[in-house]
Amino acid sequence: MTEEEIKILLERYAKDRCTPDEKKWVEAWLRHVEEQSDWSWSNREHLAEVKQRIAGKIEQSVSLRLRRRVPAYYRFAAIAACFLAVVTGIVFWQKAEQPQLQADHIIALPEQVDGARLTMSDGTEIDLGSLKGGGVSQTEAGIIKKGMDNSISYAYRSETEDRASEEQWNTLRIPPGASYHLLLPDGSKVWLNACSELSFPSAFGRASRKVILRGEAYFEVKQQAQQPFFVEANGTMIAVMGTAFNVSAYPDEKEVLTTLTDGAVAVSLAKQRVVLEPGEQARADRGGSHLSKSKVDSEIFVAWKNDYFVFDDLDIKSIMYQIARWYNTEVVFQGTIPTKKFGGTFSRTKPIEELLSHLERLGGLRFKLENGSYFKKGRRIVVMP
């Protein structure tokens, strides 16, 4: 591909006009350029200026500035680095100030075990952290195998299927700071986010397949017309037609969010029901009184699966809920904290100090890390004006 074609694609990407295939190509190319290049911004003012301009024409706003100073390859590396700065959270932005958050509010996670655990229907408890990649654990309730990529596959014993009507359930619990990929016996895949748990039967019944979720998970369900798949999540029932979708149903959140990326699902709450198409999201309030759907950017809600935080016009309280779950921290708000709106993307593999530093530089907030009272090995984040 020529430089001119790359310029055109980058401009289309910046204006969100790429086809899905073009978008995949651009993102793969940007990752490659960043990995191969040691280019960096000379100062943050320059970076902020380019960030502002990149929303318009990349060629006009960036490459003309750099053309005299660097060869073509590094000129495009600079463009890529700028783009990645916006996309991967080197730069955050901030919206208008909103009403004030109550002082001395505490976000505290329930006490968790140290590692992910699978409790089998026969009472056997398996510490997945101690199970090595490629390892196998066998119980009367089923066979567990851990992959080298931190994935878990579950298979029931042949005699277990005959007892499916007894409603014997296994429960997979994921602690803070971890995520797991589970392969169910029917071929369906489930990615579980931190502080989540999934209950599933020792063997699916012949009439239907059902799992129960607390927390957040991304599903890729194997279609079986004669055996529909259901997800129960905090009073919401999701009927799946062989598809891919994300469900966020944490007990400390006010809503259950179901976001569809592919296929179709029907979401029910009490006597209400909505059917989602790709790119739509259902919002069900925990009180059971309201169910609605809307168009969303589904990639924002599944970014965690690829180890990214994506904050899209969120106040600091909503952001700190996500940070607390992943970094296993207690969060305390002291004083009058303005709930400004933030946006940006940040890798979950980076230290928490770096994320807090980015948020702090936006102004109006200060963070202090200290020993926590809720966790023997945890920490506390104090948020101050």
Protein backbone atom coordinates (compact mmCIF):
# COMPACT_ATOMS: atom_id res chain seq x y z
CA MET A 1 0.00 0.00 0.00
CA THR A 2 1.33 3.44 -0.94
CA GLU A 3 1.88 6.32 1.46
CA GLU A 4 -0.98 8.22 -0.16
CA GLU A 5 -3.35 5.29 0.37
CA ILE A 6 -2.28 5.07 4.00
CA LYS A 7 -2.93 8.79 4.44
CA ILE A 8 -6.42 8.41 3.01
CA LEU A 9 -7.18 5.44 5.23
CA LEU A 10 -5.93 7.26 8.34
CA GLU A 11 -8.13 10.23 7.49
CA ARG A 12 -11.15 7.94 6.97
CA TYR A 13 -10.35 6.23 10.29
CA ALA A 14 -10.17 9.58 12.10
CA LYS A 15 -13.61 10.50 10.76
CA ASP A 16 -15.05 7.03 11.56
CA ARG A 17 -15.79 6.33 7.90
CA CYS A 18 -13.80 3.09 7.49
CA THR A 19 -15.44 -0.16 6.57
CA PRO A 20 -14.98 -2.94 9.18
CA ASP A 21 -12.16 -4.49 7.12
CA GLU A 22 -10.44 -1.12 6.65
CA LYS A 23 -10.71 -0.45 10.38
CA LYS A 24 -9.08 -3.78 11.23
CA TRP A 25 -6.26 -3.08 8.75
CA VAL A 26 -5.59 0.42 10.10
CA GLU A 27 -5.54 -0.75 13.74
CA ALA A 28 -3.19 -3.63 12.90
CA TRP A 29 -0.93 -1.24 10.96
CA LEU A 30 -0.87 1.28 13.81
CA ARG A 31 0.04 -1.42 16.31
CA HIS A 32 2.84 -2.60 14.03
CA VAL A 33 4.22 0.90 13.52
CA GLU A 34 4.16 1.65 17.24
CA GLU A 35 5.99 -1.60 18.06
CA GLN A 36 8.66 -0.93 15.43
CA SER A 37 9.18 2.77 16.08
CA ASP A 38 10.90 4.56 18.95
CA TRP A 39 9.42 7.92 17.94
CA SER A 40 8.02 10.04 20.76
CA TRP A 41 6.57 13.49 21.20
CA SER A 42 8.99 16.25 22.09
CA ASN A 43 6.54 17.91 24.45
CA ARG A 44 2.97 17.54 25.66
CA GLU A 45 1.81 20.86 24.21
CA HIS A 46 2.70 19.62 20.76
CA LEU A 47 0.92 16.33 21.46
CA ALA A 48 -2.22 18.13 22.63
CA GLU A 49 -2.17 20.32 19.53
CA VAL A 50 -1.89 17.34 17.20
CA LYS A 51 -4.60 15.47 19.11
CA GLN A 52 -6.96 18.35 18.46
CA ARG A 53 -6.15 18.49 14.78
CA ILE A 54 -6.27 14.75 14.16
CA ALA A 55 -10.05 14.82 14.46
CA GLY A 56 -10.00 16.66 11.13
CA LYS A 57 -7.48 15.95 8.38
CA ILE A 58 -4.49 13.91 9.51
CA GLU A 59 -2.42 14.65 6.41
CA GLN A 60 -2.93 18.39 6.64
CA SER A 61 -2.62 18.63 10.42
CA VAL A 62 0.34 16.37 11.14
CA SER A 63 2.50 15.28 8.23
CA LEU A 64 3.01 18.82 6.90
CA ARG A 65 4.48 19.79 10.28
CA LEU A 66 6.85 16.85 10.37
CA ARG A 67 7.81 16.51 6.72
CA ARG A 68 10.91 18.67 6.92
CA ARG A 69 12.28 16.99 10.03
CA VAL A 70 11.85 13.24 9.63
CA PRO A 71 11.91 10.66 6.80
CA ALA A 72 8.65 9.26 5.47
CA TYR A 73 8.60 6.16 7.65
CA TYR A 74 9.01 8.12 10.86
CA ARG A 75 6.57 10.75 9.66
CA PHE A 76 3.92 8.05 9.56
CA ALA A 77 5.21 6.63 12.82
CA ALA A 78 4.53 10.06 14.29
CA ILE A 79 1.00 10.01 12.93
CA ALA A 80 0.54 6.52 14.30
CA ALA A 81 1.93 7.51 17.67
CA CYS A 82 -0.46 10.43 17.77
CA PHE A 83 -3.36 8.23 16.87
CA LEU A 84 -2.37 5.68 19.46
CA ALA A 85 -2.04 8.44 22.02
CA VAL A 86 -5.70 9.23 21.50
CA VAL A 87 -6.82 5.62 21.21
CA THR A 88 -4.80 4.03 24.03
CA GLY A 89 -5.16 6.61 26.74
CA ILE A 90 -1.96 8.64 26.70
CA VAL A 91 -4.35 11.55 26.48
CA PHE A 92 -7.64 11.88 28.31
CA TRP A 93 -10.18 14.61 27.81
CA GLN A 94 -12.75 16.19 30.02
CA LYS A 95 -16.32 17.41 29.62
CA ALA A 96 -18.29 20.12 31.40
CA GLU A 97 -18.67 20.03 35.16
CA GLN A 98 -21.80 18.38 36.55
CA PRO A 99 -23.45 18.30 40.00
CA GLN A 100 -21.32 17.57 43.03
CA LEU A 101 -20.60 14.11 44.44
CA GLN A 102 -21.37 13.61 48.12
CA ALA A 103 -18.29 13.83 50.34
CA ASP A 104 -16.73 10.84 52.09
CA HIS A 105 -18.43 8.31 49.84
CA ILE A 106 -16.71 4.90 49.91
CA ILE A 107 -16.47 2.32 47.16
CA ALA A 108 -15.46 -0.94 48.81
CA LEU A 109 -15.37 -4.35 47.19
CA PRO A 110 -16.57 -7.43 49.06
CA GLU A 111 -13.74 -9.49 50.47
CA GLN A 112 -12.43 -11.88 47.83
CA VAL A 113 -10.31 -15.00 47.82
CA ASP A 114 -6.82 -14.65 46.41
CA GLY A 115 -7.43 -16.49 43.13
CA ALA A 116 -10.16 -17.64 40.77
CA ARG A 117 -12.03 -20.65 42.05
CA LEU A 118 -14.43 -23.14 40.54
CA THR A 119 -16.84 -24.76 42.95
CA MET A 120 -18.22 -27.97 41.48
CA SER A 121 -21.72 -29.30 42.08
CA ASP A 122 -20.28 -32.14 44.17
CA GLY A 123 -18.71 -29.61 46.57
CA THR A 124 -15.17 -29.90 45.21
CA GLU A 125 -13.39 -26.53 45.05
CA ILE A 126 -10.64 -26.04 42.46
CA ASP A 127 -8.09 -23.22 42.83
CA LEU A 128 -7.55 -22.23 39.20
CA GLY A 129 -4.53 -20.15 40.10
CA SER A 130 -2.68 -23.22 41.28
CA LEU A 131 -3.73 -25.29 38.25
CA LYS A 132 -0.91 -25.01 35.72
CA GLY A 133 -1.47 -24.42 32.03
CA GLY A 134 -2.27 -27.74 30.40
CA GLY A 135 -3.30 -29.17 33.77
CA VAL A 136 -6.42 -31.27 34.26
CA SER A 137 -8.62 -31.67 37.33
CA GLN A 138 -11.26 -34.41 37.45
CA THR A 139 -14.17 -34.65 39.87
CA GLU A 140 -17.44 -36.54 39.93
CA ALA A 141 -19.16 -33.44 38.57
CA GLY A 142 -16.93 -32.95 35.54
CA ILE A 143 -13.50 -32.49 34.01
CA ILE A 144 -11.62 -29.16 34.14
CA LYS A 145 -8.69 -28.32 31.88
CA LYS A 146 -6.64 -25.12 32.03
CA GLY A 147 -5.11 -23.86 28.80
CA MET A 148 -1.77 -22.12 28.41
CA ASP A 149 -3.66 -18.87 27.65
CA ASN A 150 -5.45 -18.82 31.04
CA SER A 151 -8.57 -20.34 29.51
CA ILE A 152 -10.70 -22.93 31.28
CA SER A 153 -12.68 -25.68 29.57
CA TYR A 154 -15.36 -27.69 31.32
CA ALA A 155 -16.64 -31.06 30.18
CA TYR A 156 -19.18 -33.18 32.01
CA ARG A 157 -18.79 -36.90 32.43
CA SER A 158 -21.14 -38.94 30.25
CA GLU A 159 -23.10 -40.18 33.26
CA THR A 160 -23.60 -36.59 34.48
CA GLU A 161 -25.83 -35.69 31.53
CA ASP A 162 -28.47 -38.13 32.72
CA ARG A 163 -28.75 -36.22 36.02
CA ALA A 164 -29.15 -32.77 34.44
CA SER A 165 -32.71 -32.43 35.72
CA GLU A 166 -31.39 -32.43 39.28
CA GLU A 167 -30.17 -28.84 38.73
CA GLN A 168 -26.66 -29.43 39.99
CA TRP A 169 -24.67 -26.24 39.49
CA ASN A 170 -21.01 -25.32 39.22
CA THR A 171 -19.88 -21.75 40.03
CA LEU A 172 -16.81 -19.98 38.67
CA ARG A 173 -15.70 -16.98 40.76
CA ILE A 174 -13.24 -14.40 39.43
CA PRO A 175 -11.40 -12.17 41.96
CA PRO A 176 -10.36 -8.53 41.48
CA GLY A 177 -7.58 -7.99 38.95
CA ALA A 178 -8.26 -11.15 36.95
CA SER A 179 -10.26 -12.33 33.96
CA TYR A 180 -10.87 -15.82 32.63
CA HIS A 181 -12.08 -17.43 29.43
CA LEU A 182 -14.43 -20.39 29.91
CA LEU A 183 -15.34 -22.95 27.26
CA LEU A 184 -18.65 -24.67 28.00
CA PRO A 185 -19.43 -28.25 26.90
CA ASP A 186 -21.76 -27.05 24.11
CA GLY A 187 -18.93 -25.05 22.50
CA SER A 188 -20.11 -21.66 23.80
CA LYS A 189 -17.40 -19.29 25.06
CA VAL A 190 -17.60 -16.95 28.04
CA TRP A 191 -15.08 -14.27 29.05
CA LEU A 192 -15.50 -13.25 32.70
CA ASN A 193 -14.34 -9.86 33.97
CA ALA A 194 -12.95 -9.14 37.44
CA CYS A 195 -15.24 -9.59 40.48
CA SER A 196 -17.66 -11.74 38.50
CA GLU A 197 -19.15 -15.16 38.91
CA LEU A 198 -20.92 -17.52 36.54
CA SER A 199 -23.07 -20.46 37.61
CA PHE A 200 -23.75 -23.20 35.08
CA PRO A 201 -25.25 -26.68 35.41
CA SER A 202 -23.14 -29.80 35.54
CA ALA A 203 -24.86 -30.72 32.28
CA PHE A 204 -27.23 -28.68 30.14
CA GLY A 205 -30.77 -30.01 29.93
CA ARG A 206 -31.99 -31.30 26.59
CA ALA A 207 -34.71 -28.64 26.32
CA SER A 208 -32.56 -25.54 27.00
CA ARG A 209 -29.25 -24.16 28.23
CA LYS A 210 -29.13 -21.65 31.07
CA VAL A 211 -26.39 -19.86 33.05
CA ILE A 212 -26.57 -17.30 35.87
CA LEU A 213 -24.27 -14.25 35.89
CA ARG A 214 -23.25 -11.83 38.64
CA GLY A 215 -20.78 -9.25 37.37
CA GLU A 216 -19.69 -8.88 33.76
CA ALA A 217 -19.16 -11.35 30.94
CA TYR A 218 -18.84 -11.48 27.18
CA PHE A 219 -20.59 -14.42 25.51
CA GLU A 220 -20.12 -16.14 22.18
CA VAL A 221 -22.97 -18.63 22.15
CA LYS A 222 -23.01 -21.70 19.97
CA GLN A 223 -26.27 -21.76 18.06
CA GLN A 224 -28.47 -24.80 18.66
CA ALA A 225 -32.01 -24.24 17.42
CA GLN A 226 -33.49 -27.08 19.46
CA GLN A 227 -31.73 -26.03 22.68
CA PRO A 228 -32.02 -22.24 23.29
CA PHE A 229 -29.52 -20.47 25.52
CA PHE A 230 -30.54 -18.17 28.40
CA VAL A 231 -28.56 -15.83 30.66
CA GLU A 232 -30.10 -14.75 33.96
CA ALA A 233 -28.55 -11.60 35.40
CA ASN A 234 -29.93 -9.69 38.39
CA GLY A 235 -33.58 -10.08 37.47
CA THR A 236 -32.98 -9.74 33.73
CA MET A 237 -33.43 -12.72 31.39
CA ILE A 238 -31.59 -12.77 28.08
CA ALA A 239 -32.72 -15.20 25.39
CA VAL A 240 -29.92 -15.87 22.95
CA MET A 241 -30.23 -16.83 19.30
CA GLY A 242 -26.62 -17.89 18.68
CA THR A 243 -24.70 -14.64 18.92
CA ALA A 244 -22.05 -12.50 20.64
CA PHE A 245 -22.91 -10.00 23.37
CA ASN A 246 -21.72 -8.41 26.62
CA VAL A 247 -23.64 -8.32 29.90
CA SER A 248 -22.70 -6.03 32.79
CA ALA A 249 -24.67 -6.95 35.92
CA TYR A 250 -22.61 -6.00 38.95
CA PRO A 251 -24.57 -5.97 42.22
CA ASP A 252 -23.34 -2.46 43.05
CA GLU A 253 -24.53 -0.96 39.75
CA LYS A 254 -28.04 0.43 39.25
CA GLU A 255 -28.58 -1.08 35.81
CA VAL A 256 -27.99 -4.30 33.90
CA LEU A 257 -26.50 -3.50 30.50
CA THR A 258 -26.75 -5.95 27.61
CA THR A 259 -24.75 -4.91 24.54
CA LEU A 260 -25.03 -6.86 21.30
CA THR A 261 -22.11 -7.16 18.88
CA ASP A 262 -23.42 -9.89 16.57
CA GLY A 263 -26.62 -11.86 15.99
CA ALA A 264 -29.74 -11.16 18.05
CA VAL A 265 -30.91 -11.40 21.67
CA ALA A 266 -34.21 -10.76 23.44
CA VAL A 267 -33.95 -9.08 26.85
CA SER A 268 -36.82 -9.42 29.32
CA LEU A 269 -37.49 -7.61 32.58
CA ALA A 270 -40.75 -8.37 34.41
CA LYS A 271 -43.37 -8.06 31.66
CA GLN A 272 -41.22 -5.93 29.37
CA ARG A 273 -39.21 -7.26 26.43
CA VAL A 274 -36.89 -5.77 23.79
CA VAL A 275 -35.07 -7.42 20.90
CA LEU A 276 -31.58 -6.14 20.12
CA GLU A 277 -29.76 -5.81 16.82
CA PRO A 278 -25.95 -5.47 16.55
CA GLY A 279 -24.83 -2.12 17.93
CA GLU A 280 -27.76 -1.82 20.33
CA GLN A 281 -27.84 -1.94 24.11
CA ALA A 282 -30.60 -2.78 26.56
CA ARG A 283 -30.72 -1.02 29.93
CA ALA A 284 -32.69 -2.70 32.69
CA ASP A 285 -32.95 -1.00 36.07
CA ARG A 286 -32.41 -3.13 39.15
CA GLY A 287 -35.84 -2.23 40.48
CA GLY A 288 -37.51 -4.04 37.62
CA SER A 289 -39.58 -1.05 36.51
CA HIS A 290 -37.89 0.11 33.32
CA LEU A 291 -36.34 -1.53 30.26
CA SER A 292 -35.12 0.41 27.24
CA LYS A 293 -32.76 0.05 24.29
CA SER A 294 -30.54 2.44 22.35
CA LYS A 295 -27.78 2.59 19.75
CA VAL A 296 -24.25 2.48 21.20
CA ASP A 297 -20.64 1.96 20.17
CA SER A 298 -20.42 -1.69 21.25
CA GLU A 299 -16.62 -1.67 21.19
CA ILE A 300 -16.61 0.60 24.25
CA PHE A 301 -18.45 -2.01 26.30
CA VAL A 302 -16.30 -4.99 25.28
CA ALA A 303 -12.90 -3.27 25.48
CA TRP A 304 -12.23 -4.91 28.87
CA LYS A 305 -12.03 -8.28 27.09
CA ASN A 306 -8.91 -6.99 25.33
CA ASP A 307 -7.48 -5.55 28.58
CA TYR A 308 -8.49 -1.93 28.10
CA PHE A 309 -10.48 0.56 30.12
CA VAL A 310 -12.63 2.76 27.89
CA PHE A 311 -14.18 5.75 29.65
CA ASP A 312 -16.80 7.47 27.52
CA ASP A 313 -18.20 10.61 29.15
CA LEU A 314 -18.11 9.12 32.67
CA ASP A 315 -17.90 10.85 36.04
CA ILE A 316 -15.12 9.95 38.45
CA LYS A 317 -17.36 7.75 40.60
CA SER A 318 -18.21 5.50 37.65
CA ILE A 319 -14.56 5.36 36.64
CA MET A 320 -13.43 4.49 40.16
CA TYR A 321 -15.86 1.56 40.31
CA GLN A 322 -14.02 0.04 37.35
CA ILE A 323 -10.60 0.86 38.77
CA ALA A 324 -11.50 -0.63 42.18
CA ARG A 325 -12.58 -3.94 40.68
CA TRP A 326 -9.52 -4.36 38.51
CA TYR A 327 -6.80 -3.09 40.84
CA ASN A 328 -8.38 -4.57 43.98
CA THR A 329 -8.63 -1.31 45.87
CA GLU A 330 -10.96 0.47 48.23
CA VAL A 331 -11.87 4.01 47.09
CA VAL A 332 -12.71 6.87 49.44
CA PHE A 333 -13.94 10.30 48.32
CA GLN A 334 -12.97 13.12 50.67
CA GLY A 335 -14.32 16.63 50.46
CA THR A 336 -16.52 17.98 47.69
CA ILE A 337 -15.61 16.16 44.51
CA PRO A 338 -16.90 17.67 41.24
CA THR A 339 -18.24 14.93 38.97
CA LYS A 340 -16.56 16.07 35.80
CA LYS A 341 -16.99 13.95 32.69
CA PHE A 342 -13.94 12.10 31.43
CA GLY A 343 -13.16 10.16 28.28
CA GLY A 344 -10.21 8.10 27.14
CA THR A 345 -8.74 4.63 26.85
CA PHE A 346 -6.10 3.03 29.04
CA SER A 347 -4.41 -0.37 29.11
CA ARG A 348 -5.35 -2.46 32.15
CA THR A 349 -1.87 -3.99 32.11
CA LYS A 350 -0.26 -0.71 33.21
CA PRO A 351 0.32 0.36 36.84
CA ILE A 352 -2.52 2.08 38.64
CA GLU A 353 -0.23 5.00 39.46
CA GLU A 354 0.03 5.83 35.77
CA LEU A 355 -3.73 5.87 35.29
CA LEU A 356 -4.29 8.07 38.34
CA SER A 357 -1.56 10.42 37.15
CA HIS A 358 -3.39 10.92 33.84
CA LEU A 359 -6.66 11.67 35.60
CA GLU A 360 -4.97 14.01 38.07
CA ARG A 361 -3.36 16.10 35.34
CA LEU A 362 -6.77 17.06 34.05
CA GLY A 363 -7.21 19.24 37.13
CA GLY A 364 -9.74 19.38 39.91
CA LEU A 365 -8.78 16.00 41.39
CA ARG A 366 -5.98 14.57 43.50
CA PHE A 367 -5.31 10.94 44.38
CA LYS A 368 -3.43 9.36 47.26
CA LEU A 369 -2.57 5.67 47.55
CA GLU A 370 -2.39 4.22 51.04
CA ASN A 371 -2.89 0.93 52.85
CA GLY A 372 -6.49 -0.28 52.73
CA SER A 373 -8.59 -1.50 55.60
CA TYR A 374 -10.70 -3.95 53.63
CA PHE A 375 -7.99 -6.17 52.19
CA LYS A 376 -4.98 -7.79 53.81
CA LYS A 377 -2.97 -7.21 50.64
CA GLY A 378 -5.05 -4.43 49.12
CA ARG A 379 -4.76 -0.68 48.88
CA ARG A 380 -6.96 2.35 49.29
CA ILE A 381 -7.29 5.26 46.87
CA VAL A 382 -8.28 8.55 48.45
CA VAL A 383 -9.86 10.95 45.94
CA MET A 384 -9.63 14.62 46.91
CA PRO A 385 -10.50 17.97 45.25
